[in-house]
């Protein structure tokens, strides 16, 4: 065979093989695309189909009161509190109570015996012993603390009120107290207002004092939150926030708002609601989500 002819045949064979390889590669790519499309497209259409569901959420509309409040947190301070001391040095001859006991005015808490005779330490008023570390036989220095007593005339707490709300706070206004240490809520009153404001961070706050009656097992320093109603709307229609949100969403997809036109709300019949599409009287047509 002629070498030239043989070389030409070999070249043609190589081109033919190369062409087949390109076709195989293209076919493989197309096959991958088809397989991927077959796997993805049904899911896409299925997901789209699954979202076409009409959902109605029914919320109860009630009547009630909407109040605007201001509140503050702090610790309770007794209205009356005193430290009882011994006038002379001596030894605790008798101790008649323990810390936490309730005592009445004139009760002898302890007797201190010394060079000047015996001295009785008595309760100056009805109250609760909030400190009473004394034990029989303890030495007491002249002027030394023997006990601390809290009166049963209640507690006070300071509250910082924002400058925007202070004009709405009045003396004797009702205050609702919540105490961390107990589950119940209690009611007190505003007993003092200071109009000498204190500025901080660009705003001014005013200090008020709220008072609370004595409560058993409540002690000085307990944490509390006080709330004052500064504006009361009175009874009115209360619409759930979810319902308001739903209207907001409708306004968004209907071009930023709904035009009810001449829709007659007084004589509206719920049976007129369109099922699966249609139009309300006085409104343009719409297509419901299915």
C-alpha atoms as a PDB file:
ATOM      1  CA  UNK A   1       0.000   0.000   0.000  1.00  0.00           C
ATOM      2  CA  UNK A   2       1.174   3.466  -0.791  1.00  0.00           C
ATOM      3  CA  UNK A   3       2.521   5.141   2.317  1.00  0.00           C
ATOM      4  CA  UNK A   4       0.779   8.358   1.406  1.00  0.00           C
ATOM      5  CA  UNK A   5      -2.538   6.594   1.033  1.00  0.00           C
ATOM      6  CA  UNK A   6      -2.044   4.784   4.313  1.00  0.00           C
ATOM      7  CA  UNK A   7      -1.249   8.011   6.130  1.00  0.00           C
ATOM      8  CA  UNK A   8      -4.416   9.589   4.758  1.00  0.00           C
ATOM      9  CA  UNK A   9      -6.518   6.676   5.945  1.00  0.00           C
ATOM     10  CA  UNK A  10      -4.999   6.852   9.417  1.00  0.00           C
ATOM     11  CA  UNK A  11      -5.730  10.575   9.609  1.00  0.00           C
ATOM     12  CA  UNK A  12      -9.345  10.036   8.550  1.00  0.00           C
ATOM     13  CA  UNK A  13      -9.713   7.296  11.135  1.00  0.00           C
ATOM     14  CA  UNK A  14      -8.397   9.597  13.862  1.00  0.00           C
ATOM     15  CA  UNK A  15     -10.864  12.338  12.877  1.00  0.00           C
ATOM     16  CA  UNK A  16     -13.689   9.809  12.885  1.00  0.00           C
ATOM     17  CA  UNK A  17     -12.731   8.528  16.358  1.00  0.00           C
ATOM     18  CA  UNK A  18     -12.360  12.103  17.637  1.00  0.00           C
ATOM     19  CA  UNK A  19     -15.783  12.980  16.287  1.00  0.00           C
ATOM     20  CA  UNK A  20     -17.348  10.025  18.015  1.00  0.00           C
ATOM     21  CA  UNK A  21     -15.714  11.023  21.303  1.00  0.00           C
ATOM     22  CA  UNK A  22     -17.167  14.529  21.048  1.00  0.00           C
ATOM     23  CA  UNK A  23     -20.609  13.103  20.344  1.00  0.00           C
ATOM     24  CA  UNK A  24     -20.327  10.755  23.313  1.00  0.00           C
ATOM     25  CA  UNK A  25     -19.245  13.624  25.580  1.00  0.00           C
ATOM     26  CA  UNK A  26     -22.121  15.836  24.406  1.00  0.00           C
ATOM     27  CA  UNK A  27     -24.585  12.995  24.848  1.00  0.00           C
ATOM     28  CA  UNK A  28     -23.271  12.372  28.360  1.00  0.00           C
ATOM     29  CA  UNK A  29     -23.707  16.049  29.307  1.00  0.00           C
ATOM     30  CA  UNK A  30     -27.235  16.085  27.880  1.00  0.00           C
ATOM     31  CA  UNK A  31     -28.063  12.914  29.797  1.00  0.00           C
ATOM     32  CA  UNK A  32     -26.841  14.486  33.064  1.00  0.00           C
ATOM     33  CA  UNK A  33     -28.946  17.589  32.393  1.00  0.00           C
ATOM     34  CA  UNK A  34     -32.028  15.483  31.664  1.00  0.00           C
ATOM     35  CA  UNK A  35     -31.555  13.393  34.830  1.00  0.00           C
ATOM     36  CA  UNK A  36     -31.069  16.507  36.941  1.00  0.00           C
ATOM     37  CA  UNK A  37     -34.127  18.158  35.432  1.00  0.00           C
ATOM     38  CA  UNK A  38     -36.203  15.042  36.021  1.00  0.00           C
ATOM     39  CA  UNK A  39     -35.199  15.061  39.659  1.00  0.00           C
ATOM     40  CA  UNK A  40     -35.509  18.797  40.362  1.00  0.00           C
ATOM     41  CA  UNK A  41     -38.474  20.012  38.312  1.00  0.00           C
ATOM     42  CA  UNK A  42     -41.116  17.792  39.974  1.00  0.00           C
ATOM     43  CA  UNK A  43     -39.934  19.039  43.349  1.00  0.00           C
ATOM     44  CA  UNK A  44     -40.112  22.637  42.211  1.00  0.00           C
ATOM     45  CA  UNK A  45     -43.607  22.260  40.843  1.00  0.00           C
ATOM     46  CA  UNK A  46     -44.636  20.149  43.826  1.00  0.00           C
ATOM     47  CA  UNK A  47     -43.406  22.845  46.280  1.00  0.00           C
ATOM     48  CA  UNK A  48     -45.206  25.539  44.335  1.00  0.00           C
ATOM     49  CA  UNK A  49     -48.349  23.459  44.305  1.00  0.00           C
ATOM     50  CA  UNK A  50     -48.088  22.836  48.059  1.00  0.00           C
ATOM     51  CA  UNK A  51     -48.079  26.585  48.845  1.00  0.00           C
ATOM     52  CA  UNK A  52     -51.310  27.221  46.952  1.00  0.00           C
ATOM     53  CA  UNK A  53     -53.481  26.722  50.024  1.00  0.00           C
ATOM     54  CA  UNK A  54     -56.187  29.033  51.272  1.00  0.00           C
ATOM     55  CA  UNK A  55     -55.811  29.550  55.037  1.00  0.00           C
ATOM     56  CA  UNK A  56     -58.243  31.418  57.264  1.00  0.00           C
ATOM     57  CA  UNK A  57     -57.343  32.299  60.845  1.00  0.00           C
ATOM     58  CA  UNK A  58     -60.242  33.124  63.133  1.00  0.00           C
ATOM     59  CA  UNK A  59     -59.517  35.438  66.075  1.00  0.00           C
ATOM     60  CA  UNK A  60     -61.922  36.469  68.813  1.00  0.00           C
ATOM     61  CA  UNK A  61     -62.722  40.175  69.121  1.00  0.00           C
ATOM     62  CA  UNK A  62     -63.393  41.273  72.702  1.00  0.00           C
ATOM     63  CA  UNK A  63     -64.105  44.379  74.734  1.00  0.00           C
ATOM     64  CA  UNK A  64     -61.646  45.597  77.305  1.00  0.00           C
ATOM     65  CA  UNK A  65     -59.397  48.343  78.584  1.00  0.00           C
ATOM     66  CA  UNK A  66     -56.057  49.471  77.105  1.00  0.00           C
ATOM     67  CA  UNK A  67     -53.773  51.223  79.590  1.00  0.00           C
ATOM     68  CA  UNK A  68     -50.489  53.077  79.241  1.00  0.00           C
ATOM     69  CA  UNK A  69     -48.195  52.592  82.225  1.00  0.00           C
ATOM     70  CA  UNK A  70     -44.858  53.674  83.596  1.00  0.00           C
ATOM     71  CA  UNK A  71     -42.868  51.396  85.849  1.00  0.00           C
ATOM     72  CA  UNK A  72     -39.661  51.143  87.813  1.00  0.00           C
ATOM     73  CA  UNK A  73     -37.740  48.649  89.889  1.00  0.00           C
ATOM     74  CA  UNK A  74     -35.970  48.986  93.206  1.00  0.00           C
ATOM     75  CA  UNK A  75     -35.753  47.696  96.764  1.00  0.00           C
ATOM     76  CA  UNK A  76     -38.128  48.174  99.657  1.00  0.00           C
ATOM     77  CA  UNK A  77     -37.237  50.460 102.565  1.00  0.00           C
ATOM     78  CA  UNK A  78     -39.216  50.422 105.831  1.00  0.00           C
ATOM     79  CA  UNK A  79     -41.123  53.592 106.631  1.00  0.00           C
ATOM     80  CA  UNK A  80     -39.887  53.248 110.214  1.00  0.00           C
ATOM     81  CA  UNK A  81     -36.645  51.589 111.264  1.00  0.00           C
ATOM     82  CA  UNK A  82     -34.501  52.058 114.389  1.00  0.00           C
ATOM     83  CA  UNK A  83     -31.382  50.669 116.000  1.00  0.00           C
ATOM     84  CA  UNK A  84     -31.652  50.007 119.744  1.00  0.00           C
ATOM     85  CA  UNK A  85     -28.545  50.498 121.916  1.00  0.00           C
ATOM     86  CA  UNK A  86     -27.479  49.983 125.512  1.00  0.00           C
ATOM     87  CA  UNK A  87     -26.841  53.122 127.538  1.00  0.00           C
ATOM     88  CA  UNK A  88     -24.252  51.443 129.782  1.00  0.00           C
ATOM     89  CA  UNK A  89     -21.769  48.624 129.463  1.00  0.00           C
ATOM     90  CA  UNK A  90     -22.811  45.303 130.893  1.00  0.00           C
ATOM     91  CA  UNK A  91     -23.783  41.711 130.271  1.00  0.00           C
ATOM     92  CA  UNK A  92     -26.959  40.389 128.669  1.00  0.00           C
ATOM     93  CA  UNK A  93     -28.735  38.931 131.664  1.00  0.00           C
ATOM     94  CA  UNK A  94     -31.823  37.852 129.715  1.00  0.00           C
ATOM     95  CA  UNK A  95     -32.848  37.815 126.063  1.00  0.00           C
ATOM     96  CA  UNK A  96     -36.557  37.361 125.435  1.00  0.00           C
ATOM     97  CA  UNK A  97     -36.924  37.303 121.633  1.00  0.00           C
ATOM     98  CA  UNK A  98     -35.122  36.192 118.479  1.00  0.00           C
ATOM     99  CA  UNK A  99     -34.640  37.862 115.113  1.00  0.00           C
ATOM    100  CA  UNK A 100     -37.798  37.824 112.978  1.00  0.00           C
ATOM    101  CA  UNK A 101     -40.169  37.968 115.932  1.00  0.00           C
ATOM    102  CA  UNK A 102     -43.011  40.450 115.945  1.00  0.00           C
ATOM    103  CA  UNK A 103     -43.067  42.598 119.064  1.00  0.00           C
ATOM    104  CA  UNK A 104     -45.403  45.163 120.570  1.00  0.00           C
ATOM    105  CA  UNK A 105     -44.570  48.576 121.924  1.00  0.00           C
ATOM    106  CA  UNK A 106     -43.101  48.269 125.435  1.00  0.00           C
ATOM    107  CA  UNK A 107     -42.056  44.620 125.138  1.00  0.00           C
ATOM    108  CA  UNK A 108     -38.791  43.976 127.031  1.00  0.00           C
ATOM    109  CA  UNK A 109     -36.405  42.615 124.421  1.00  0.00           C
ATOM    110  CA  UNK A 110     -33.408  42.123 126.726  1.00  0.00           C
ATOM    111  CA  UNK A 111     -32.030  43.064 130.156  1.00  0.00           C
ATOM    112  CA  UNK A 112     -28.437  44.324 130.448  1.00  0.00           C
ATOM    113  CA  UNK A 113     -26.816  44.086 133.897  1.00  0.00           C
ATOM    114  CA  UNK A 114     -23.796  46.237 134.720  1.00  0.00           C
ATOM    115  CA  UNK A 115     -22.157  48.498 137.270  1.00  0.00           C
ATOM    116  CA  UNK A 116     -25.033  50.933 136.898  1.00  0.00           C
ATOM    117  CA  UNK A 117     -27.644  48.320 137.609  1.00  0.00           C
ATOM    118  CA  UNK A 118     -30.049  46.700 135.176  1.00  0.00           C
ATOM    119  CA  UNK A 119     -31.207  48.308 131.949  1.00  0.00           C
ATOM    120  CA  UNK A 120     -34.224  47.087 130.005  1.00  0.00           C
ATOM    121  CA  UNK A 121     -34.110  47.323 126.221  1.00  0.00           C
ATOM    122  CA  UNK A 122     -37.738  47.772 125.100  1.00  0.00           C
ATOM    123  CA  UNK A 123     -39.555  47.976 121.764  1.00  0.00           C
ATOM    124  CA  UNK A 124     -40.342  51.622 120.935  1.00  0.00           C
ATOM    125  CA  UNK A 125     -43.344  50.626 118.798  1.00  0.00           C
ATOM    126  CA  UNK A 126     -45.066  47.609 117.276  1.00  0.00           C
ATOM    127  CA  UNK A 127     -42.696  46.053 114.824  1.00  0.00           C
ATOM    128  CA  UNK A 128     -40.467  43.201 113.661  1.00  0.00           C
ATOM    129  CA  UNK A 129     -36.938  42.466 114.882  1.00  0.00           C
ATOM    130  CA  UNK A 130     -34.843  42.502 111.716  1.00  0.00           C
ATOM    131  CA  UNK A 131     -31.516  42.277 113.619  1.00  0.00           C
ATOM    132  CA  UNK A 132     -31.123  40.759 117.073  1.00  0.00           C
ATOM    133  CA  UNK A 133     -27.772  38.976 117.468  1.00  0.00           C
ATOM    134  CA  UNK A 134     -27.746  39.191 121.278  1.00  0.00           C
ATOM    135  CA  UNK A 135     -27.524  36.047 123.424  1.00  0.00           C
ATOM    136  CA  UNK A 136     -27.558  35.615 127.189  1.00  0.00           C
ATOM    137  CA  UNK A 137     -24.104  36.174 128.642  1.00  0.00           C
ATOM    138  CA  UNK A 138     -22.910  38.425 125.776  1.00  0.00           C
ATOM    139  CA  UNK A 139     -20.973  41.526 126.781  1.00  0.00           C
ATOM    140  CA  UNK A 140     -22.461  44.795 125.594  1.00  0.00           C
ATOM    141  CA  UNK A 141     -20.461  48.015 125.310  1.00  0.00           C
ATOM    142  CA  UNK A 142     -21.854  51.394 126.284  1.00  0.00           C
ATOM    143  CA  UNK A 143     -23.750  52.661 123.267  1.00  0.00           C
ATOM    144  CA  UNK A 144     -23.403  49.274 121.607  1.00  0.00           C
ATOM    145  CA  UNK A 145     -26.103  48.036 119.237  1.00  0.00           C
ATOM    146  CA  UNK A 146     -28.468  45.502 120.713  1.00  0.00           C
ATOM    147  CA  UNK A 147     -31.224  45.142 118.086  1.00  0.00           C
ATOM    148  CA  UNK A 148     -32.725  46.684 114.975  1.00  0.00           C
ATOM    149  CA  UNK A 149     -36.494  46.975 114.709  1.00  0.00           C
ATOM    150  CA  UNK A 150     -38.737  47.669 111.715  1.00  0.00           C
ATOM    151  CA  UNK A 151     -42.121  49.296 112.190  1.00  0.00           C
ATOM    152  CA  UNK A 152     -45.311  47.775 110.832  1.00  0.00           C
ATOM    153  CA  UNK A 153     -46.339  50.963 109.045  1.00  0.00           C
ATOM    154  CA  UNK A 154     -45.182  49.718 105.649  1.00  0.00           C
ATOM    155  CA  UNK A 155     -42.487  50.248 103.038  1.00  0.00           C
ATOM    156  CA  UNK A 156     -41.436  52.856 100.516  1.00  0.00           C
ATOM    157  CA  UNK A 157     -39.628  52.599  97.190  1.00  0.00           C
ATOM    158  CA  UNK A 158     -38.171  55.255  94.908  1.00  0.00           C
ATOM    159  CA  UNK A 159     -39.112  55.173  91.215  1.00  0.00           C
ATOM    160  CA  UNK A 160     -37.547  57.158  88.369  1.00  0.00           C
ATOM    161  CA  UNK A 161     -40.220  58.511  85.990  1.00  0.00           C
ATOM    162  CA  UNK A 162     -39.414  59.734  82.483  1.00  0.00           C
ATOM    163  CA  UNK A 163     -39.965  63.416  81.687  1.00  0.00           C
ATOM    164  CA  UNK A 164     -42.673  62.471  79.172  1.00  0.00           C
ATOM    165  CA  UNK A 165     -44.731  60.775  81.902  1.00  0.00           C
ATOM    166  CA  UNK A 166     -44.114  62.821  85.052  1.00  0.00           C
ATOM    167  CA  UNK A 167     -46.991  65.245  84.373  1.00  0.00           C
ATOM    168  CA  UNK A 168     -49.400  62.281  84.473  1.00  0.00           C
ATOM    169  CA  UNK A 169     -48.285  61.145  87.942  1.00  0.00           C
ATOM    170  CA  UNK A 170     -50.206  62.557  90.906  1.00  0.00           C
ATOM    171  CA  UNK A 171     -50.090  62.208  94.687  1.00  0.00           C
ATOM    172  CA  UNK A 172     -52.228  59.334  96.021  1.00  0.00           C
ATOM    173  CA  UNK A 173     -52.276  57.724  92.574  1.00  0.00           C
ATOM    174  CA  UNK A 174     -52.549  53.927  92.686  1.00  0.00           C
ATOM    175  CA  UNK A 175     -49.372  51.887  92.302  1.00  0.00           C
ATOM    176  CA  UNK A 176     -49.241  48.136  91.676  1.00  0.00           C
ATOM    177  CA  UNK A 177     -46.308  46.350  93.323  1.00  0.00           C
ATOM    178  CA  UNK A 178     -44.858  43.012  92.237  1.00  0.00           C
ATOM    179  CA  UNK A 179     -42.353  41.412  94.620  1.00  0.00           C
ATOM    180  CA  UNK A 180     -39.804  38.841  93.474  1.00  0.00           C
ATOM    181  CA  UNK A 181     -40.000  36.992  96.803  1.00  0.00           C
ATOM    182  CA  UNK A 182     -43.767  36.446  96.781  1.00  0.00           C
ATOM    183  CA  UNK A 183     -46.261  35.451  94.120  1.00  0.00           C
ATOM    184  CA  UNK A 184     -49.021  37.916  94.968  1.00  0.00           C
ATOM    185  CA  UNK A 185     -49.398  41.492  93.734  1.00  0.00           C
ATOM    186  CA  UNK A 186     -50.020  44.395  96.125  1.00  0.00           C
ATOM    187  CA  UNK A 187     -51.449  47.886  95.781  1.00  0.00           C
ATOM    188  CA  UNK A 188     -49.879  51.067  97.150  1.00  0.00           C
ATOM    189  CA  UNK A 189     -49.959  54.805  96.413  1.00  0.00           C
ATOM    190  CA  UNK A 190     -47.724  57.651  95.282  1.00  0.00           C
ATOM    191  CA  UNK A 191     -46.726  59.530  98.458  1.00  0.00           C
ATOM    192  CA  UNK A 192     -44.070  61.975  97.212  1.00  0.00           C
ATOM    193  CA  UNK A 193     -43.027  63.567  93.902  1.00  0.00           C
ATOM    194  CA  UNK A 194     -39.840  65.481  93.201  1.00  0.00           C
ATOM    195  CA  UNK A 195     -39.887  67.889  90.244  1.00  0.00           C
ATOM    196  CA  UNK A 196     -36.138  68.398  90.472  1.00  0.00           C
ATOM    197  CA  UNK A 197     -35.155  66.327  87.458  1.00  0.00           C
ATOM    198  CA  UNK A 198     -31.911  64.473  86.865  1.00  0.00           C
ATOM    199  CA  UNK A 199     -30.534  64.384  83.304  1.00  0.00           C
ATOM    200  CA  UNK A 200     -28.775  61.309  81.919  1.00  0.00           C
ATOM    201  CA  UNK A 201     -28.111  60.203  78.335  1.00  0.00           C
ATOM    202  CA  UNK A 202     -30.114  63.044  76.804  1.00  0.00           C
ATOM    203  CA  UNK A 203     -33.283  62.409  78.844  1.00  0.00           C
ATOM    204  CA  UNK A 204     -34.493  63.678  82.207  1.00  0.00           C
ATOM    205  CA  UNK A 205     -36.042  61.559  84.954  1.00  0.00           C
ATOM    206  CA  UNK A 206     -37.931  62.602  88.077  1.00  0.00           C
ATOM    207  CA  UNK A 207     -37.917  60.745  91.365  1.00  0.00           C
ATOM    208  CA  UNK A 208     -41.178  59.757  93.022  1.00  0.00           C
ATOM    209  CA  UNK A 209     -41.860  57.717  96.150  1.00  0.00           C
ATOM    210  CA  UNK A 210     -44.461  54.960  96.308  1.00  0.00           C
ATOM    211  CA  UNK A 211     -45.609  53.491  99.612  1.00  0.00           C
ATOM    212  CA  UNK A 212     -46.912  50.054 100.456  1.00  0.00           C
ATOM    213  CA  UNK A 213     -48.623  48.742 103.595  1.00  0.00           C
ATOM    214  CA  UNK A 214     -46.863  46.253 105.845  1.00  0.00           C
ATOM    215  CA  UNK A 215     -46.851  42.673 104.543  1.00  0.00           C
ATOM    216  CA  UNK A 216     -45.962  39.655 106.659  1.00  0.00           C
ATOM    217  CA  UNK A 217     -42.696  37.957 105.662  1.00  0.00           C
ATOM    218  CA  UNK A 218     -41.637  40.923 103.526  1.00  0.00           C
ATOM    219  CA  UNK A 219     -38.416  42.547 104.716  1.00  0.00           C
ATOM    220  CA  UNK A 220     -36.207  45.557 103.924  1.00  0.00           C
ATOM    221  CA  UNK A 221     -34.140  45.281 100.768  1.00  0.00           C
ATOM    222  CA  UNK A 222     -36.469  42.901  98.925  1.00  0.00           C
ATOM    223  CA  UNK A 223     -36.678  43.562  95.189  1.00  0.00           C
ATOM    224  CA  UNK A 224     -39.900  44.958  93.763  1.00  0.00           C
ATOM    225  CA  UNK A 225     -41.359  46.421  90.581  1.00  0.00           C
ATOM    226  CA  UNK A 226     -43.920  49.220  90.738  1.00  0.00           C
ATOM    227  CA  UNK A 227     -46.309  50.085  87.897  1.00  0.00           C
ATOM    228  CA  UNK A 228     -48.438  53.217  87.572  1.00  0.00           C
ATOM    229  CA  UNK A 229     -51.268  53.666  85.071  1.00  0.00           C
ATOM    230  CA  UNK A 230     -50.766  57.094  83.472  1.00  0.00           C
ATOM    231  CA  UNK A 231     -53.402  56.811  80.745  1.00  0.00           C
ATOM    232  CA  UNK A 232     -56.559  54.740  80.555  1.00  0.00           C
ATOM    233  CA  UNK A 233     -58.497  54.247  77.314  1.00  0.00           C
ATOM    234  CA  UNK A 234     -61.649  52.915  78.972  1.00  0.00           C
ATOM    235  CA  UNK A 235     -63.634  50.001  77.587  1.00  0.00           C
ATOM    236  CA  UNK A 236     -63.357  49.492  73.855  1.00  0.00           C
ATOM    237  CA  UNK A 237     -63.019  46.959  71.073  1.00  0.00           C
ATOM    238  CA  UNK A 238     -59.877  44.824  71.328  1.00  0.00           C
ATOM    239  CA  UNK A 239     -58.619  43.339  68.057  1.00  0.00           C
ATOM    240  CA  UNK A 240     -55.914  40.618  68.286  1.00  0.00           C
ATOM    241  CA  UNK A 241     -52.560  41.743  66.927  1.00  0.00           C
ATOM    242  CA  UNK A 242     -52.482  38.722  64.587  1.00  0.00           C
ATOM    243  CA  UNK A 243     -55.615  39.996  62.880  1.00  0.00           C
ATOM    244  CA  UNK A 244     -54.069  43.448  62.435  1.00  0.00           C
ATOM    245  CA  UNK A 245     -50.937  41.841  60.997  1.00  0.00           C
ATOM    246  CA  UNK A 246     -53.001  39.860  58.520  1.00  0.00           C
ATOM    247  CA  UNK A 247     -54.527  43.069  57.137  1.00  0.00           C
ATOM    248  CA  UNK A 248     -51.071  44.545  56.879  1.00  0.00           C
ATOM    249  CA  UNK A 249     -49.948  41.617  54.724  1.00  0.00           C
ATOM    250  CA  UNK A 250     -52.991  41.982  52.473  1.00  0.00           C
ATOM    251  CA  UNK A 251     -52.227  45.668  52.034  1.00  0.00           C
ATOM    252  CA  UNK A 252     -48.726  44.752  50.911  1.00  0.00           C
ATOM    253  CA  UNK A 253     -49.705  42.440  48.066  1.00  0.00           C
ATOM    254  CA  UNK A 254     -52.636  44.619  46.998  1.00  0.00           C
ATOM    255  CA  UNK A 255     -50.421  47.584  46.234  1.00  0.00           C
ATOM    256  CA  UNK A 256     -50.007  49.096  49.711  1.00  0.00           C
ATOM    257  CA  UNK A 257     -53.639  49.373  50.799  1.00  0.00           C
ATOM    258  CA  UNK A 258     -57.230  48.223  50.310  1.00  0.00           C
ATOM    259  CA  UNK A 259     -59.950  50.337  48.748  1.00  0.00           C
ATOM    260  CA  UNK A 260     -63.323  49.295  50.118  1.00  0.00           C
ATOM    261  CA  UNK A 261     -65.150  51.758  47.869  1.00  0.00           C
ATOM    262  CA  UNK A 262     -68.901  51.762  48.564  1.00  0.00           C
ATOM    263  CA  UNK A 263     -68.876  48.529  50.526  1.00  0.00           C
ATOM    264  CA  UNK A 264     -71.881  48.470  52.908  1.00  0.00           C
ATOM    265  CA  UNK A 265     -70.461  47.304  56.259  1.00  0.00           C
ATOM    266  CA  UNK A 266     -73.748  47.764  58.163  1.00  0.00           C
ATOM    267  CA  UNK A 267     -75.688  45.351  55.978  1.00  0.00           C
ATOM    268  CA  UNK A 268     -72.819  43.010  55.243  1.00  0.00           C
ATOM    269  CA  UNK A 269     -73.850  39.361  54.974  1.00  0.00           C
ATOM    270  CA  UNK A 270     -71.003  36.854  55.622  1.00  0.00           C
ATOM    271  CA  UNK A 271     -72.582  34.554  53.007  1.00  0.00           C
ATOM    272  CA  UNK A 272     -71.479  37.112  50.401  1.00  0.00           C
ATOM    273  CA  UNK A 273     -67.840  36.180  51.001  1.00  0.00           C
ATOM    274  CA  UNK A 274     -66.407  34.840  47.719  1.00  0.00           C
ATOM    275  CA  UNK A 275     -65.412  31.211  47.633  1.00  0.00           C
ATOM    276  CA  UNK A 276     -62.186  30.611  45.741  1.00  0.00           C
ATOM    277  CA  UNK A 277     -62.215  33.972  43.987  1.00  0.00           C
ATOM    278  CA  UNK A 278     -64.522  36.760  42.934  1.00  0.00           C
ATOM    279  CA  UNK A 279     -64.994  40.301  44.156  1.00  0.00           C
ATOM    280  CA  UNK A 280     -66.388  42.199  47.093  1.00  0.00           C
ATOM    281  CA  UNK A 281     -68.975  44.904  46.432  1.00  0.00           C
ATOM    282  CA  UNK A 282     -67.140  48.156  45.809  1.00  0.00           C
ATOM    283  CA  UNK A 283     -63.774  46.427  45.308  1.00  0.00           C
ATOM    284  CA  UNK A 284     -61.885  45.266  42.301  1.00  0.00           C
ATOM    285  CA  UNK A 285     -61.754  41.594  41.445  1.00  0.00           C
ATOM    286  CA  UNK A 286     -59.112  39.419  43.013  1.00  0.00           C
ATOM    287  CA  UNK A 287     -57.845  35.889  42.767  1.00  0.00           C
ATOM    288  CA  UNK A 288     -57.719  33.890  45.948  1.00  0.00           C
ATOM    289  CA  UNK A 289     -54.765  31.714  46.819  1.00  0.00           C
ATOM    290  CA  UNK A 290     -55.669  28.108  46.305  1.00  0.00           C
END
